């Protein structure tokens, strides 16, 4: 049976996910945050950037923002993972990324390094302990990530996805400002100074999803952030453009493996 839990930490830039996935499969999707997954049991398969990989206990899976990927269990018993969801600004605020135009990058999506795995796993377990001191809770994320960043982290210029006279970042800003509105394809095409067919072709070729699918995921990603900020689910549904609570709950569970009511 699938079991998924999302937790907030004392640092608003870092969230935790505990998952035991058996039958649940992740469709192709992206995140707004970095996801660092520690595989603790079982075997998982995922495809990302044209490669299909399988991972098991001790592996660290790294998914940067905007990278499309999927995921499924390879065995009937499923796999267990502990995930850090880290907002990009967290690394910049710690001066790990030196420029607003750069981002933290890693040479591979999968890293096999027992010492780094142990450091991250210790931090994860400790952050789940309600009895640790506030100072320890504040320091743990940085301490846990230091070995990973020191050994494998690289600063790279953030990639841009040009779309006519605009780019994906500008479209994202526009859509985030209009999540609750019925955005149309002509609006997006006008922003890019492209025809509707040109926008759809360029968007799918460069991003890997249709504009509609990408916008739907953006709404759900923003919904997750609002739920973690303790905003009621009904309000969240309306704020991200779902006018039917049942439709929102179904889409959310299909994407994340649990209903909005279980986010805490």
Protein backbone atom coordinates (compact mmCIF):
# COMPACT_ATOMS: atom_id res chain seq x y z
CA UNK A 1 0.00 0.00 0.00
CA UNK A 2 1.31 3.44 -0.93
CA UNK A 3 2.10 5.76 1.96
CA UNK A 4 3.21 9.34 1.47
CA UNK A 5 3.75 12.13 4.01
CA UNK A 6 4.78 15.75 3.46
CA UNK A 7 6.26 17.79 6.30
CA UNK A 8 7.32 21.38 6.69
CA UNK A 9 10.55 22.14 8.55
CA UNK A 10 11.46 25.17 10.66
CA UNK A 11 13.19 26.56 7.57
CA UNK A 12 10.51 27.64 5.05
CA UNK A 13 12.92 26.89 2.20
CA UNK A 14 13.22 23.20 3.08
CA UNK A 15 10.40 20.63 3.18
CA UNK A 16 10.47 16.88 3.76
CA UNK A 17 8.69 14.02 2.00
CA UNK A 18 8.55 10.43 3.20
CA UNK A 19 7.26 7.93 0.66
CA UNK A 20 6.65 4.20 0.33
CA UNK A 21 5.49 3.78 -3.26
CA UNK A 22 4.21 0.45 -4.55
CA UNK A 23 1.46 0.91 -7.15
CA UNK A 24 1.66 4.69 -7.50
CA UNK A 25 3.49 5.90 -10.60
CA UNK A 26 4.62 9.45 -11.27
CA UNK A 27 3.68 10.76 -14.70
CA UNK A 28 6.16 13.03 -16.46
CA UNK A 29 6.31 16.20 -14.42
CA UNK A 30 8.61 18.91 -13.10
CA UNK A 31 9.13 20.72 -9.81
CA UNK A 32 9.70 24.35 -8.96
CA UNK A 33 12.16 23.23 -6.25
CA UNK A 34 15.16 20.94 -6.07
CA UNK A 35 14.29 17.42 -4.99
CA UNK A 36 16.98 15.29 -3.32
CA UNK A 37 15.71 11.73 -2.83
CA UNK A 38 17.42 9.19 -0.59
CA UNK A 39 16.43 5.64 -1.59
CA UNK A 40 16.32 3.58 1.60
CA UNK A 41 14.60 0.36 0.42
CA UNK A 42 13.56 -1.29 -2.82
CA UNK A 43 14.17 -0.36 -6.46
CA UNK A 44 12.88 2.60 -8.45
CA UNK A 45 13.02 3.31 -12.17
CA UNK A 46 12.79 6.81 -13.64
CA UNK A 47 13.39 8.56 -16.93
CA UNK A 48 14.91 12.02 -17.18
CA UNK A 49 16.63 13.96 -19.95
CA UNK A 50 16.44 11.06 -22.37
CA UNK A 51 17.89 8.45 -20.01
CA UNK A 52 16.15 5.71 -18.03
CA UNK A 53 17.78 4.76 -14.77
CA UNK A 54 17.18 2.39 -11.89
CA UNK A 55 18.18 3.18 -8.33
CA UNK A 56 18.23 1.33 -5.04
CA UNK A 57 19.25 1.63 -1.39
CA UNK A 58 22.03 4.14 -0.78
CA UNK A 59 21.45 6.07 -4.00
CA UNK A 60 20.82 9.83 -4.00
CA UNK A 61 18.50 11.03 -6.78
CA UNK A 62 18.78 14.73 -7.66
CA UNK A 63 16.08 16.53 -9.65
CA UNK A 64 16.73 20.24 -10.28
CA UNK A 65 13.86 22.66 -10.99
CA UNK A 66 12.13 22.40 -14.37
CA UNK A 67 13.65 19.01 -15.28
CA UNK A 68 11.02 16.58 -16.58
CA UNK A 69 11.02 13.10 -15.08
CA UNK A 70 8.75 10.21 -14.10
CA UNK A 71 9.07 7.36 -11.59
CA UNK A 72 7.77 3.94 -10.64
CA UNK A 73 8.57 0.93 -8.47
CA UNK A 74 10.36 -2.02 -10.04
CA UNK A 75 9.14 -4.58 -7.50
CA UNK A 76 5.76 -5.41 -5.99
CA UNK A 77 7.10 -4.46 -2.55
CA UNK A 78 7.79 -0.97 -3.85
CA UNK A 79 10.52 1.40 -2.76
CA UNK A 80 11.01 3.80 0.14
CA UNK A 81 12.47 7.25 -0.18
CA UNK A 82 13.19 10.27 1.98
CA UNK A 83 13.11 13.51 0.01
CA UNK A 84 14.33 17.02 0.71
CA UNK A 85 12.37 19.61 -1.30
CA UNK A 86 14.54 22.74 -1.34
CA UNK A 87 13.57 26.09 -2.86
CA UNK A 88 16.23 27.50 -5.23
CA UNK A 89 16.57 30.73 -3.23
CA UNK A 90 17.76 28.69 -0.21
CA UNK A 91 21.09 27.98 -1.87
CA UNK A 92 21.41 31.58 -3.04
CA UNK A 93 20.61 32.94 0.44
CA UNK A 94 23.47 30.84 1.85
CA UNK A 95 25.79 32.25 -0.84
CA UNK A 96 26.14 28.78 -2.34
CA UNK A 97 25.11 30.19 -5.71
CA UNK A 98 26.94 33.42 -6.30
CA UNK A 99 24.68 35.17 -8.80
CA UNK A 100 20.93 35.52 -9.35
CA UNK A 101 21.57 34.25 -12.88
CA UNK A 102 23.36 31.09 -11.73
CA UNK A 103 22.01 27.93 -10.15
CA UNK A 104 23.39 24.98 -8.24
CA UNK A 105 24.03 22.04 -10.57
CA UNK A 106 25.35 18.51 -10.20
CA UNK A 107 27.23 16.33 -12.72
CA UNK A 108 24.71 13.48 -12.54
CA UNK A 109 21.10 12.81 -11.53
CA UNK A 110 22.21 9.87 -9.38
CA UNK A 111 25.08 10.00 -6.89
CA UNK A 112 26.45 6.96 -5.07
CA UNK A 113 28.47 8.17 -2.11
CA UNK A 114 27.94 6.50 1.29
CA UNK A 115 29.36 9.40 3.29
CA UNK A 116 27.13 11.96 1.56
CA UNK A 117 24.11 9.67 1.86
CA UNK A 118 24.81 9.22 5.59
CA UNK A 119 25.09 12.97 6.14
CA UNK A 120 21.79 13.70 4.39
CA UNK A 121 20.03 10.77 6.04
CA UNK A 122 21.16 11.88 9.50
CA UNK A 123 19.85 15.38 8.84
CA UNK A 124 16.53 14.03 7.56
CA UNK A 125 15.97 11.75 10.56
CA UNK A 126 16.93 14.48 13.01
CA UNK A 127 14.62 17.03 11.38
CA UNK A 128 11.74 14.58 11.89
CA UNK A 129 12.53 14.41 15.63
CA UNK A 130 10.22 16.79 17.49
CA UNK A 131 12.51 16.77 20.53
CA UNK A 132 15.63 18.36 19.00
CA UNK A 133 16.48 21.94 19.93
CA UNK A 134 15.52 24.85 17.70
CA UNK A 135 19.17 25.74 17.10
CA UNK A 136 19.92 22.18 15.95
CA UNK A 137 16.85 22.26 13.71
CA UNK A 138 18.04 25.53 12.15
CA UNK A 139 21.55 24.22 11.48
CA UNK A 140 20.73 20.71 10.30
CA UNK A 141 19.83 21.42 6.65
CA UNK A 142 23.07 23.30 6.00
CA UNK A 143 25.19 20.73 7.86
CA UNK A 144 23.51 17.85 6.06
CA UNK A 145 23.95 19.32 2.58
CA UNK A 146 27.53 20.56 3.04
CA UNK A 147 29.27 17.28 1.99
CA UNK A 148 27.07 16.96 -1.11
CA UNK A 149 27.68 20.54 -2.20
CA UNK A 150 31.41 20.51 -1.41
CA UNK A 151 32.02 17.29 -3.37
CA UNK A 152 29.63 17.62 -6.28
CA UNK A 153 28.02 21.08 -6.41
CA UNK A 154 28.75 23.35 -9.35
CA UNK A 155 27.64 26.88 -10.20
CA UNK A 156 26.22 27.14 -13.69
CA UNK A 157 24.37 29.84 -15.57
CA UNK A 158 20.65 29.13 -15.29
CA UNK A 159 19.41 27.77 -18.65
CA UNK A 160 16.95 29.85 -20.61
CA UNK A 161 14.21 28.52 -22.88
CA UNK A 162 13.63 31.12 -25.58
CA UNK A 163 10.10 31.31 -26.95
CA UNK A 164 9.85 33.87 -29.72
CA UNK A 165 10.57 37.29 -28.20
CA UNK A 166 10.00 35.93 -24.69
CA UNK A 167 11.20 32.96 -22.64
CA UNK A 168 9.90 30.36 -20.20
CA UNK A 169 10.80 32.44 -17.14
CA UNK A 170 8.71 35.38 -18.31
CA UNK A 171 5.79 33.09 -19.12
CA UNK A 172 6.09 31.54 -15.67
CA UNK A 173 5.91 34.97 -14.02
CA UNK A 174 2.84 35.84 -16.08
CA UNK A 175 1.09 32.56 -15.27
CA UNK A 176 1.91 32.76 -11.55
CA UNK A 177 0.27 36.18 -11.53
CA UNK A 178 -2.84 34.78 -13.25
CA UNK A 179 -3.23 31.31 -11.72
CA UNK A 180 -6.89 31.82 -10.86
CA UNK A 181 -7.79 33.18 -14.31
CA UNK A 182 -8.78 31.37 -17.52
CA UNK A 183 -5.53 32.02 -19.39
CA UNK A 184 -5.80 31.45 -23.14
CA UNK A 185 -3.34 30.30 -25.75
CA UNK A 186 -3.71 33.59 -27.71
CA UNK A 187 -2.59 35.51 -24.60
CA UNK A 188 0.58 33.44 -24.31
CA UNK A 189 1.24 33.63 -28.04
CA UNK A 190 0.95 37.43 -27.93
CA UNK A 191 3.49 37.58 -25.06
CA UNK A 192 5.95 35.70 -27.24
CA UNK A 193 5.02 37.45 -30.49
CA UNK A 194 4.29 34.06 -32.04
CA UNK A 195 1.31 32.48 -33.70
CA UNK A 196 -0.60 29.97 -31.58
CA UNK A 197 0.73 27.03 -33.60
CA UNK A 198 4.29 28.35 -33.43
CA UNK A 199 4.07 28.71 -29.66
CA UNK A 200 2.75 25.19 -29.20
CA UNK A 201 5.46 23.70 -31.42
CA UNK A 202 8.30 25.65 -29.82
CA UNK A 203 7.02 25.09 -26.28
CA UNK A 204 6.70 21.31 -26.73
CA UNK A 205 10.10 21.06 -28.45
CA UNK A 206 12.00 23.06 -25.81
CA UNK A 207 10.11 22.30 -22.59
CA UNK A 208 8.85 18.79 -23.32
CA UNK A 209 5.20 19.41 -22.42
CA UNK A 210 2.27 21.27 -23.95
CA UNK A 211 1.57 24.74 -22.53
CA UNK A 212 -1.65 23.40 -20.99
CA UNK A 213 0.06 20.48 -19.21
CA UNK A 214 2.88 22.73 -18.03
CA UNK A 215 0.43 25.32 -16.66
CA UNK A 216 -1.59 22.62 -14.90
CA UNK A 217 1.55 21.38 -13.17
CA UNK A 218 2.48 24.96 -12.24
CA UNK A 219 -0.91 25.34 -10.56
CA UNK A 220 -0.43 22.13 -8.59
CA UNK A 221 3.13 23.04 -7.57
CA UNK A 222 1.89 26.38 -6.29
CA UNK A 223 -0.98 24.63 -4.52
CA UNK A 224 1.54 22.48 -2.64
CA UNK A 225 3.39 25.59 -1.46
CA UNK A 226 0.16 27.23 -0.27
CA UNK A 227 -0.97 24.10 1.58
CA UNK A 228 2.40 23.91 3.35
CA UNK A 229 1.86 27.54 4.36
CA UNK A 230 -1.28 26.31 6.22
CA UNK A 231 -3.80 27.93 3.84
CA UNK A 232 -7.10 25.97 3.82
CA UNK A 233 -7.56 23.59 0.92
CA UNK A 234 -10.74 25.25 -0.35
CA UNK A 235 -8.99 28.61 -0.55
CA UNK A 236 -5.97 27.03 -2.24
CA UNK A 237 -8.14 25.42 -4.92
CA UNK A 238 -9.65 28.78 -5.85
CA UNK A 239 -6.31 30.62 -5.70
CA UNK A 240 -4.75 28.28 -8.25
CA UNK A 241 -7.71 28.19 -10.60
CA UNK A 242 -9.66 25.05 -9.62
CA UNK A 243 -13.26 26.10 -9.09
CA UNK A 244 -14.38 22.60 -8.17
CA UNK A 245 -12.90 21.19 -4.95
CA UNK A 246 -13.40 17.58 -6.04
CA UNK A 247 -11.56 18.22 -9.32
CA UNK A 248 -8.70 19.88 -7.44
CA UNK A 249 -8.40 17.02 -4.94
CA UNK A 250 -8.40 14.42 -7.71
CA UNK A 251 -5.73 16.24 -9.74
CA UNK A 252 -3.61 16.82 -6.65
CA UNK A 253 -3.72 13.19 -5.54
CA UNK A 254 -2.97 11.98 -9.07
CA UNK A 255 0.16 14.14 -9.11
CA UNK A 256 1.47 13.76 -5.56
CA UNK A 257 0.02 10.49 -4.31
CA UNK A 258 -2.00 11.94 -1.43
CA UNK A 259 -4.99 14.29 -1.02
CA UNK A 260 -4.51 17.99 -0.17
CA UNK A 261 -5.95 17.40 3.31
CA UNK A 262 -2.90 15.35 4.30
CA UNK A 263 -0.31 18.07 3.68
CA UNK A 264 1.11 19.43 6.93
